[in-house]
Amino acid sequence: PVPIPPIPQIPVYGRCEPVSTNLSGTGAIGIKVKEAK
């Protein structure tokens, strides 16, 4: 076991791309996360 003490609020960045949920008039723009640091 390697317990880690609480870490205060730190910035997070995600590299994302917009995606479509389907191709019809009832579709929507969603977000896919490709990388995070």
PDB file of all heavy atoms in Angstrom:
ATOM      1  N   PRO A   1       0.832  -1.216   0.000  1.00  0.00           N
ATOM      2  CA  PRO A   1       0.000   0.000   0.000  1.00  0.00           C
ATOM      3  C   PRO A   1       0.861   1.258   0.000  1.00  0.00           C
ATOM      4  O   PRO A   1       1.872   1.340   0.710  1.00  0.00           O
ATOM      5  CB  PRO A   1      -0.797  -0.134   1.295  1.00  0.00           C
ATOM      6  CG  PRO A   1       0.075  -0.937   2.191  1.00  0.00           C
ATOM      7  CD  PRO A   1       0.852  -1.883   1.307  1.00  0.00           C
ATOM      8  N   VAL A   2       0.468   2.219  -0.809  1.00  0.00           N
ATOM      9  CA  VAL A   2       1.171   3.511  -0.856  1.00  0.00           C
ATOM     10  C   VAL A   2       0.119   4.605  -0.652  1.00  0.00           C
ATOM     11  O   VAL A   2      -0.415   5.168  -1.613  1.00  0.00           O
ATOM     12  CB  VAL A   2       1.909   3.708  -2.191  1.00  0.00           C
ATOM     13  CG1 VAL A   2       2.715   5.005  -2.166  1.00  0.00           C
ATOM     14  CG2 VAL A   2       2.801   2.526  -2.503  1.00  0.00           C
ATOM     15  N   PRO A   3      -0.243   4.922   0.603  1.00  0.00           N
ATOM     16  CA  PRO A   3      -1.229   5.977   0.834  1.00  0.00           C
ATOM     17  C   PRO A   3      -0.649   7.344   0.487  1.00  0.00           C
ATOM     18  O   PRO A   3       0.507   7.641   0.788  1.00  0.00           O
ATOM     19  CB  PRO A   3      -1.540   5.858   2.320  1.00  0.00           C
ATOM     20  CG  PRO A   3      -0.327   5.200   2.908  1.00  0.00           C
ATOM     21  CD  PRO A   3       0.231   4.308   1.845  1.00  0.00           C
ATOM     22  N   ILE A   4      -1.454   8.152  -0.179  1.00  0.00           N
ATOM     23  CA  ILE A   4      -1.018   9.477  -0.604  1.00  0.00           C
ATOM     24  C   ILE A   4      -1.836  10.522   0.159  1.00  0.00           C
ATOM     25  O   ILE A   4      -3.061  10.410   0.233  1.00  0.00           O
ATOM     26  CB  ILE A   4      -1.222   9.665  -2.120  1.00  0.00           C
ATOM     27  CG1 ILE A   4      -0.595   8.504  -2.899  1.00  0.00           C
ATOM     28  CG2 ILE A   4      -0.671  11.002  -2.585  1.00  0.00           C
ATOM     29  CD1 ILE A   4       0.894   8.372  -2.748  1.00  0.00           C
ATOM     30  N   PRO A   5      -1.190  11.515   0.769  1.00  0.00           N
ATOM     31  CA  PRO A   5      -1.959  12.555   1.488  1.00  0.00           C
ATOM     32  C   PRO A   5      -2.810  13.369   0.532  1.00  0.00           C
ATOM     33  O   PRO A   5      -2.544  13.404  -0.678  1.00  0.00           O
ATOM     34  CB  PRO A   5      -0.860  13.408   2.126  1.00  0.00           C
ATOM     35  CG  PRO A   5       0.356  13.179   1.295  1.00  0.00           C
ATOM     36  CD  PRO A   5       0.265  11.767   0.811  1.00  0.00           C
ATOM     37  N   PRO A   6      -3.854  14.039   1.032  1.00  0.00           N
ATOM     38  CA  PRO A   6      -4.699  14.886   0.171  1.00  0.00           C
ATOM     39  C   PRO A   6      -3.856  15.923  -0.562  1.00  0.00           C
ATOM     40  O   PRO A   6      -2.873  16.443  -0.040  1.00  0.00           O
ATOM     41  CB  PRO A   6      -5.657  15.543   1.161  1.00  0.00           C
ATOM     42  CG  PRO A   6      -5.706  14.603   2.327  1.00  0.00           C
ATOM     43  CD  PRO A   6      -4.323  14.017   2.426  1.00  0.00           C
ATOM     44  N   ILE A   7      -4.275  16.215  -1.793  1.00  0.00           N
ATOM     45  CA  ILE A   7      -3.569  17.184  -2.628  1.00  0.00           C
ATOM     46  C   ILE A   7      -4.499  18.365  -2.880  1.00  0.00           C
ATOM     47  O   ILE A   7      -5.619  18.185  -3.371  1.00  0.00           O
ATOM     48  CB  ILE A   7      -3.139  16.548  -3.966  1.00  0.00           C
ATOM     49  CG1 ILE A   7      -2.231  15.329  -3.710  1.00  0.00           C
ATOM     50  CG2 ILE A   7      -2.422  17.564  -4.839  1.00  0.00           C
ATOM     51  CD1 ILE A   7      -1.859  14.568  -4.962  1.00  0.00           C
ATOM     52  N   PRO A   8      -4.093  19.592  -2.527  1.00  0.00           N
ATOM     53  CA  PRO A   8      -4.965  20.764  -2.739  1.00  0.00           C
ATOM     54  C   PRO A   8      -5.324  20.931  -4.206  1.00  0.00           C
ATOM     55  O   PRO A   8      -4.758  20.279  -5.082  1.00  0.00           O
ATOM     56  CB  PRO A   8      -4.104  21.925  -2.231  1.00  0.00           C
ATOM     57  CG  PRO A   8      -3.091  21.298  -1.333  1.00  0.00           C
ATOM     58  CD  PRO A   8      -2.818  19.941  -1.904  1.00  0.00           C
ATOM     59  N   GLN A   9      -6.238  21.837  -4.459  1.00  0.00           N
ATOM     60  CA  GLN A   9      -6.735  22.039  -5.812  1.00  0.00           C
ATOM     61  C   GLN A   9      -5.613  22.391  -6.778  1.00  0.00           C
ATOM     62  O   GLN A   9      -4.836  23.313  -6.546  1.00  0.00           O
ATOM     63  CB  GLN A   9      -7.789  23.145  -5.807  1.00  0.00           C
ATOM     64  CG  GLN A   9      -8.631  23.183  -7.067  1.00  0.00           C
ATOM     65  CD  GLN A   9      -9.796  24.140  -6.941  1.00  0.00           C
ATOM     66  OE1 GLN A   9      -9.590  25.360  -6.868  1.00  0.00           O
ATOM     67  NE2 GLN A   9     -11.002  23.620  -6.897  1.00  0.00           N
ATOM     68  N   ILE A  10      -5.535  21.631  -7.863  1.00  0.00           N
ATOM     69  CA  ILE A  10      -4.491  21.845  -8.873  1.00  0.00           C
ATOM     70  C   ILE A  10      -5.141  21.874 -10.261  1.00  0.00           C
ATOM     71  O   ILE A  10      -6.179  21.246 -10.488  1.00  0.00           O
ATOM     72  CB  ILE A  10      -3.411  20.740  -8.830  1.00  0.00           C
ATOM     73  CG1 ILE A  10      -4.052  19.352  -8.868  1.00  0.00           C
ATOM     74  CG2 ILE A  10      -2.532  20.884  -7.601  1.00  0.00           C
ATOM     75  CD1 ILE A  10      -3.059  18.222  -8.883  1.00  0.00           C
ATOM     76  N   PRO A  11      -4.542  22.613 -11.208  1.00  0.00           N
ATOM     77  CA  PRO A  11      -5.129  22.709 -12.548  1.00  0.00           C
ATOM     78  C   PRO A  11      -5.077  21.373 -13.291  1.00  0.00           C
ATOM     79  O   PRO A  11      -4.127  20.586 -13.143  1.00  0.00           O
ATOM     80  CB  PRO A  11      -4.244  23.754 -13.243  1.00  0.00           C
ATOM     81  CG  PRO A  11      -3.578  24.504 -12.132  1.00  0.00           C
ATOM     82  CD  PRO A  11      -3.384  23.504 -11.037  1.00  0.00           C
ATOM     83  N   VAL A  12      -6.100  21.128 -14.110  1.00  0.00           N
ATOM     84  CA  VAL A  12      -6.170  19.946 -14.967  1.00  0.00           C
ATOM     85  C   VAL A  12      -6.506  20.408 -16.378  1.00  0.00           C
ATOM     86  O   VAL A  12      -7.376  21.262 -16.565  1.00  0.00           O
ATOM     87  CB  VAL A  12      -7.249  18.955 -14.494  1.00  0.00           C
ATOM     88  CG1 VAL A  12      -7.310  17.747 -15.430  1.00  0.00           C
ATOM     89  CG2 VAL A  12      -6.993  18.504 -13.077  1.00  0.00           C
ATOM     90  N   TYR A  13      -5.805  19.850 -17.357  1.00  0.00           N
ATOM     91  CA  TYR A  13      -6.032  20.199 -18.749  1.00  0.00           C
ATOM     92  C   TYR A  13      -6.325  18.938 -19.538  1.00  0.00           C
ATOM     93  O   TYR A  13      -5.607  17.943 -19.423  1.00  0.00           O
ATOM     94  CB  TYR A  13      -4.805  20.890 -19.350  1.00  0.00           C
ATOM     95  CG  TYR A  13      -4.449  22.188 -18.668  1.00  0.00           C
ATOM     96  CD1 TYR A  13      -3.661  22.191 -17.516  1.00  0.00           C
ATOM     97  CD2 TYR A  13      -4.897  23.406 -19.167  1.00  0.00           C
ATOM     98  CE1 TYR A  13      -3.339  23.386 -16.872  1.00  0.00           C
ATOM     99  CE2 TYR A  13      -4.577  24.591 -18.538  1.00  0.00           C
ATOM    100  CZ  TYR A  13      -3.798  24.576 -17.392  1.00  0.00           C
ATOM    101  OH  TYR A  13      -3.484  25.745 -16.763  1.00  0.00           O
ATOM    102  N   GLY A  14      -7.383  18.973 -20.340  1.00  0.00           N
ATOM    103  CA  GLY A  14      -7.714  17.856 -21.199  1.00  0.00           C
ATOM    104  C   GLY A  14      -7.591  18.254 -22.661  1.00  0.00           C
ATOM    105  O   GLY A  14      -8.043  19.337 -23.049  1.00  0.00           O
ATOM    106  N   ARG A  15      -6.951  17.405 -23.452  1.00  0.00           N
ATOM    107  CA  ARG A  15      -6.916  17.602 -24.912  1.00  0.00           C
ATOM    108  C   ARG A  15      -8.092  16.818 -25.481  1.00  0.00           C
ATOM    109  O   ARG A  15      -8.174  15.599 -25.309  1.00  0.00           O
ATOM    110  CB  ARG A  15      -5.588  17.130 -25.494  1.00  0.00           C
ATOM    111  CG  ARG A  15      -5.478  17.346 -27.002  1.00  0.00           C
ATOM    112  CD  ARG A  15      -4.038  17.163 -27.483  1.00  0.00           C
ATOM    113  NE  ARG A  15      -3.594  15.797 -27.391  1.00  0.00           N
ATOM    114  CZ  ARG A  15      -3.773  14.869 -28.345  1.00  0.00           C
ATOM    115  NH1 ARG A  15      -4.438  15.185 -29.441  1.00  0.00           N
ATOM    116  NH2 ARG A  15      -3.303  13.656 -28.195  1.00  0.00           N
ATOM    117  N   CYS A  16      -8.996  17.508 -26.144  1.00  0.00           N
ATOM    118  CA  CYS A  16     -10.268  16.906 -26.535  1.00  0.00           C
ATOM    119  C   CYS A  16     -10.555  17.168 -28.006  1.00  0.00           C
ATOM    120  O   CYS A  16      -9.897  17.969 -28.651  1.00  0.00           O
ATOM    121  CB  CYS A  16     -11.410  17.485 -25.691  1.00  0.00           C
ATOM    122  SG  CYS A  16     -11.144  17.397 -23.916  1.00  0.00           S
ATOM    123  N   GLU A  17     -11.579  16.478 -28.503  1.00  0.00           N
ATOM    124  CA  GLU A  17     -12.085  16.752 -29.838  1.00  0.00           C
ATOM    125  C   GLU A  17     -13.602  16.671 -29.820  1.00  0.00           C
ATOM    126  O   GLU A  17     -14.174  15.900 -29.043  1.00  0.00           O
ATOM    127  CB  GLU A  17     -11.516  15.768 -30.860  1.00  0.00           C
ATOM    128  CG  GLU A  17     -11.967  14.329 -30.670  1.00  0.00           C
ATOM    129  CD  GLU A  17     -11.423  13.419 -31.754  1.00  0.00           C
ATOM    130  OE1 GLU A  17     -10.770  13.926 -32.689  1.00  0.00           O
ATOM    131  OE2 GLU A  17     -11.639  12.193 -31.672  1.00  0.00           O
ATOM    132  N   PRO A  18     -14.277  17.480 -30.640  1.00  0.00           N
ATOM    133  CA  PRO A  18     -15.738  17.393 -30.715  1.00  0.00           C
ATOM    134  C   PRO A  18     -16.136  16.182 -31.530  1.00  0.00           C
ATOM    135  O   PRO A  18     -15.494  15.848 -32.530  1.00  0.00           O
ATOM    136  CB  PRO A  18     -16.126  18.702 -31.405  1.00  0.00           C
ATOM    137  CG  PRO A  18     -14.940  19.033 -32.264  1.00  0.00           C
ATOM    138  CD  PRO A  18     -13.724  18.526 -31.517  1.00  0.00           C
ATOM    139  N   VAL A  19     -17.194  15.512 -31.126  1.00  0.00           N
ATOM    140  CA  VAL A  19     -17.695  14.343 -31.837  1.00  0.00           C
ATOM    141  C   VAL A  19     -19.202  14.467 -32.004  1.00  0.00           C
ATOM    142  O   VAL A  19     -19.863  15.226 -31.286  1.00  0.00           O
ATOM    143  CB  VAL A  19     -17.359  13.027 -31.089  1.00  0.00           C
ATOM    144  CG1 VAL A  19     -15.859  12.799 -31.043  1.00  0.00           C
ATOM    145  CG2 VAL A  19     -17.930  13.041 -29.672  1.00  0.00           C
ATOM    146  N   SER A  20     -19.743  13.720 -32.945  1.00  0.00           N
ATOM    147  CA  SER A  20     -21.176  13.731 -33.175  1.00  0.00           C
ATOM    148  C   SER A  20     -21.787  12.455 -32.632  1.00  0.00           C
ATOM    149  O   SER A  20     -21.236  11.358 -32.820  1.00  0.00           O
ATOM    150  CB  SER A  20     -21.465  13.852 -34.674  1.00  0.00           C
ATOM    151  OG  SER A  20     -22.858  13.789 -34.922  1.00  0.00           O
ATOM    152  N   THR A  21     -22.934  12.577 -31.959  1.00  0.00           N
ATOM    153  CA  THR A  21     -23.591  11.397 -31.411  1.00  0.00           C
ATOM    154  C   THR A  21     -24.316  10.595 -32.486  1.00  0.00           C
ATOM    155  O   THR A  21     -24.481   9.393 -32.354  1.00  0.00           O
ATOM    156  CB  THR A  21     -24.597  11.789 -30.317  1.00  0.00           C
ATOM    157  OG1 THR A  21     -25.572  12.686 -30.878  1.00  0.00           O
ATOM    158  CG2 THR A  21     -23.889  12.471 -29.164  1.00  0.00           C
ATOM    159  N   ASN A  22     -24.776  11.257 -33.545  1.00  0.00           N
ATOM    160  CA  ASN A  22     -25.297  10.564 -34.725  1.00  0.00           C
ATOM    161  C   ASN A  22     -25.376  11.561 -35.869  1.00  0.00           C
ATOM    162  O   ASN A  22     -24.940  12.697 -35.727  1.00  0.00           O
ATOM    163  CB  ASN A  22     -26.652   9.891 -34.445  1.00  0.00           C
ATOM    164  CG  ASN A  22     -27.740  10.893 -34.105  1.00  0.00           C
ATOM    165  OD1 ASN A  22     -27.911  11.894 -34.791  1.00  0.00           O
ATOM    166  ND2 ASN A  22     -28.483  10.624 -33.036  1.00  0.00           N
ATOM    167  N   LEU A  23     -25.925  11.154 -36.991  1.00  0.00           N
ATOM    168  CA  LEU A  23     -25.870  11.998 -38.181  1.00  0.00           C
ATOM    169  C   LEU A  23     -27.213  12.614 -38.548  1.00  0.00           C
ATOM    170  O   LEU A  23     -27.367  13.171 -39.614  1.00  0.00           O
ATOM    171  CB  LEU A  23     -25.352  11.174 -39.373  1.00  0.00           C
ATOM    172  CG  LEU A  23     -23.996  10.506 -39.170  1.00  0.00           C
ATOM    173  CD1 LEU A  23     -23.595   9.757 -40.431  1.00  0.00           C
ATOM    174  CD2 LEU A  23     -22.931  11.515 -38.791  1.00  0.00           C
ATOM    175  N   SER A  24     -28.201  12.516 -37.677  1.00  0.00           N
ATOM    176  CA  SER A  24     -29.530  13.019 -38.011  1.00  0.00           C
ATOM    177  C   SER A  24     -29.757  14.404 -37.423  1.00  0.00           C
ATOM    178  O   SER A  24     -28.925  14.941 -36.710  1.00  0.00           O
ATOM    179  CB  SER A  24     -30.601  12.061 -37.483  1.00  0.00           C
ATOM    180  OG  SER A  24     -30.754  12.216 -36.089  1.00  0.00           O
ATOM    181  N   GLY A  25     -30.945  14.964 -37.709  1.00  0.00           N
ATOM    182  CA  GLY A  25     -31.276  16.282 -37.185  1.00  0.00           C
ATOM    183  C   GLY A  25     -31.460  16.295 -35.692  1.00  0.00           C
ATOM    184  O   GLY A  25     -31.550  17.357 -35.089  1.00  0.00           O
ATOM    185  N   THR A  26     -31.533  15.127 -35.061  1.00  0.00           N
ATOM    186  CA  THR A  26     -31.675  15.068 -33.608  1.00  0.00           C
ATOM    187  C   THR A  26     -30.348  14.727 -32.936  1.00  0.00           C
ATOM    188  O   THR A  26     -30.323  14.352 -31.777  1.00  0.00           O
ATOM    189  CB  THR A  26     -32.732  14.023 -33.204  1.00  0.00           C
ATOM    190  OG1 THR A  26     -32.343  12.740 -33.715  1.00  0.00           O
ATOM    191  CG2 THR A  26     -34.086  14.398 -33.764  1.00  0.00           C
ATOM    192  N   GLY A  27     -29.267  14.822 -33.684  1.00  0.00           N
ATOM    193  CA  GLY A  27     -27.957  14.511 -33.114  1.00  0.00           C
ATOM    194  C   GLY A  27     -27.456  15.622 -32.207  1.00  0.00           C
ATOM    195  O   GLY A  27     -28.145  16.599 -31.939  1.00  0.00           O
ATOM    196  N   ALA A  28     -26.233  15.461 -31.713  1.00  0.00           N
ATOM    197  CA  ALA A  28     -25.674  16.440 -30.788  1.00  0.00           C
ATOM    198  C   ALA A  28     -24.161  16.427 -30.883  1.00  0.00           C
ATOM    199  O   ALA A  28     -23.546  15.457 -31.340  1.00  0.00           O
ATOM    200  CB  ALA A  28     -26.114  16.126 -29.357  1.00  0.00           C
ATOM    201  N   ILE A  29     -23.562  17.529 -30.453  1.00  0.00           N
ATOM    202  CA  ILE A  29     -22.107  17.649 -30.365  1.00  0.00           C
ATOM    203  C   ILE A  29     -21.681  17.184 -28.979  1.00  0.00           C
ATOM    204  O   ILE A  29     -22.167  17.683 -27.967  1.00  0.00           O
ATOM    205  CB  ILE A  29     -21.663  19.102 -30.590  1.00  0.00           C
ATOM    206  CG1 ILE A  29     -22.102  19.595 -31.967  1.00  0.00           C
ATOM    207  CG2 ILE A  29     -20.142  19.227 -30.442  1.00  0.00           C
ATOM    208  CD1 ILE A  29     -21.913  21.096 -32.167  1.00  0.00           C
ATOM    209  N   GLY A  30     -20.809  16.216 -28.936  1.00  0.00           N
ATOM    210  CA  GLY A  30     -20.253  15.736 -27.682  1.00  0.00           C
ATOM    211  C   GLY A  30     -18.756  15.976 -27.640  1.00  0.00           C
ATOM    212  O   GLY A  30     -18.170  16.521 -28.586  1.00  0.00           O
ATOM    213  N   ILE A  31     -18.131  15.564 -26.551  1.00  0.00           N
ATOM    214  CA  ILE A  31     -16.697  15.813 -26.343  1.00  0.00           C
ATOM    215  C   ILE A  31     -15.990  14.503 -26.004  1.00  0.00           C
ATOM    216  O   ILE A  31     -16.425  13.772 -25.117  1.00  0.00           O
ATOM    217  CB  ILE A  31     -16.476  16.842 -25.217  1.00  0.00           C
ATOM    218  CG1 ILE A  31     -17.032  18.210 -25.643  1.00  0.00           C
ATOM    219  CG2 ILE A  31     -14.997  16.957 -24.860  1.00  0.00           C
ATOM    220  CD1 ILE A  31     -16.988  19.252 -24.547  1.00  0.00           C
ATOM    221  N   LYS A  32     -14.907  14.220 -26.714  1.00  0.00           N
ATOM    222  CA  LYS A  32     -14.073  13.055 -26.444  1.00  0.00           C
ATOM    223  C   LYS A  32     -12.741  13.510 -25.863  1.00  0.00           C
ATOM    224  O   LYS A  32     -12.066  14.377 -26.433  1.00  0.00           O
ATOM    225  CB  LYS A  32     -13.825  12.258 -27.727  1.00  0.00           C
ATOM    226  CG  LYS A  32     -12.901  11.061 -27.550  1.00  0.00           C
ATOM    227  CD  LYS A  32     -12.649  10.360 -28.868  1.00  0.00           C
ATOM    228  CE  LYS A  32     -11.679   9.193 -28.700  1.00  0.00           C
ATOM    229  NZ  LYS A  32     -11.404   8.520 -30.004  1.00  0.00           N
ATOM    230  N   VAL A  33     -12.354  12.949 -24.724  1.00  0.00           N
ATOM    231  CA  VAL A  33     -11.082  13.285 -24.077  1.00  0.00           C
ATOM    232  C   VAL A  33      -9.991  12.373 -24.626  1.00  0.00           C
ATOM    233  O   VAL A  33     -10.100  11.151 -24.564  1.00  0.00           O
ATOM    234  CB  VAL A  33     -11.178  13.137 -22.549  1.00  0.00           C
ATOM    235  CG1 VAL A  33      -9.848  13.505 -21.900  1.00  0.00           C
ATOM    236  CG2 VAL A  33     -12.303  13.999 -21.988  1.00  0.00           C
ATOM    237  N   LYS A  34      -8.940  12.957 -25.180  1.00  0.00           N
ATOM    238  CA  LYS A  34      -7.863  12.177 -25.784  1.00  0.00           C
ATOM    239  C   LYS A  34      -6.619  12.102 -24.901  1.00  0.00           C
ATOM    240  O   LYS A  34      -5.830  11.172 -24.989  1.00  0.00           O
ATOM    241  CB  LYS A  34      -7.494  12.796 -27.133  1.00  0.00           C
ATOM    242  CG  LYS A  34      -8.680  12.867 -28.098  1.00  0.00           C
ATOM    243  CD  LYS A  34      -8.360  13.681 -29.331  1.00  0.00           C
ATOM    244  CE  LYS A  34      -7.441  12.945 -30.277  1.00  0.00           C
ATOM    245  NZ  LYS A  34      -7.270  13.691 -31.551  1.00  0.00           N
ATOM    246  N   GLU A  35      -6.445  13.105 -24.053  1.00  0.00           N
ATOM    247  CA  GLU A  35      -5.256  13.177 -23.195  1.00  0.00           C
ATOM    248  C   GLU A  35      -5.587  14.105 -22.039  1.00  0.00           C
ATOM    249  O   GLU A  35      -6.380  15.031 -22.191  1.00  0.00           O
ATOM    250  CB  GLU A  35      -4.063  13.716 -23.992  1.00  0.00           C
ATOM    251  CG  GLU A  35      -2.770  13.874 -23.214  1.00  0.00           C
ATOM    252  CD  GLU A  35      -1.659  14.502 -24.051  1.00  0.00           C
ATOM    253  OE1 GLU A  35      -1.924  14.898 -25.204  1.00  0.00           O
ATOM    254  OE2 GLU A  35      -0.530  14.607 -23.540  1.00  0.00           O
ATOM    255  N   ALA A  36      -5.007  13.869 -20.880  1.00  0.00           N
ATOM    256  CA  ALA A  36      -5.215  14.759 -19.740  1.00  0.00           C
ATOM    257  C   ALA A  36      -3.942  14.824 -18.909  1.00  0.00           C
ATOM    258  O   ALA A  36      -3.214  13.830 -18.790  1.00  0.00           O
ATOM    259  CB  ALA A  36      -6.383  14.286 -18.882  1.00  0.00           C
ATOM    260  N   LYS A  37      -3.690  15.995 -18.355  1.00  0.00           N
ATOM    261  CA  LYS A  37      -2.519  16.172 -17.505  1.00  0.00           C
ATOM    262  C   LYS A  37      -2.854  17.147 -16.383  1.00  0.00           C
ATOM    263  O   LYS A  37      -3.602  18.108 -16.573  1.00  0.00           O
ATOM    264  CB  LYS A  37      -1.329  16.708 -18.305  1.00  0.00           C
ATOM    265  CG  LYS A  37      -0.724  15.708 -19.270  1.00  0.00           C
ATOM    266  CD  LYS A  37       0.555  16.240 -19.902  1.00  0.00           C
ATOM    267  CE  LYS A  37       1.185  15.193 -20.806  1.00  0.00           C
ATOM    268  NZ  LYS A  37       2.457  15.681 -21.416  1.00  0.00           N
TER     269      LYS A  37
END
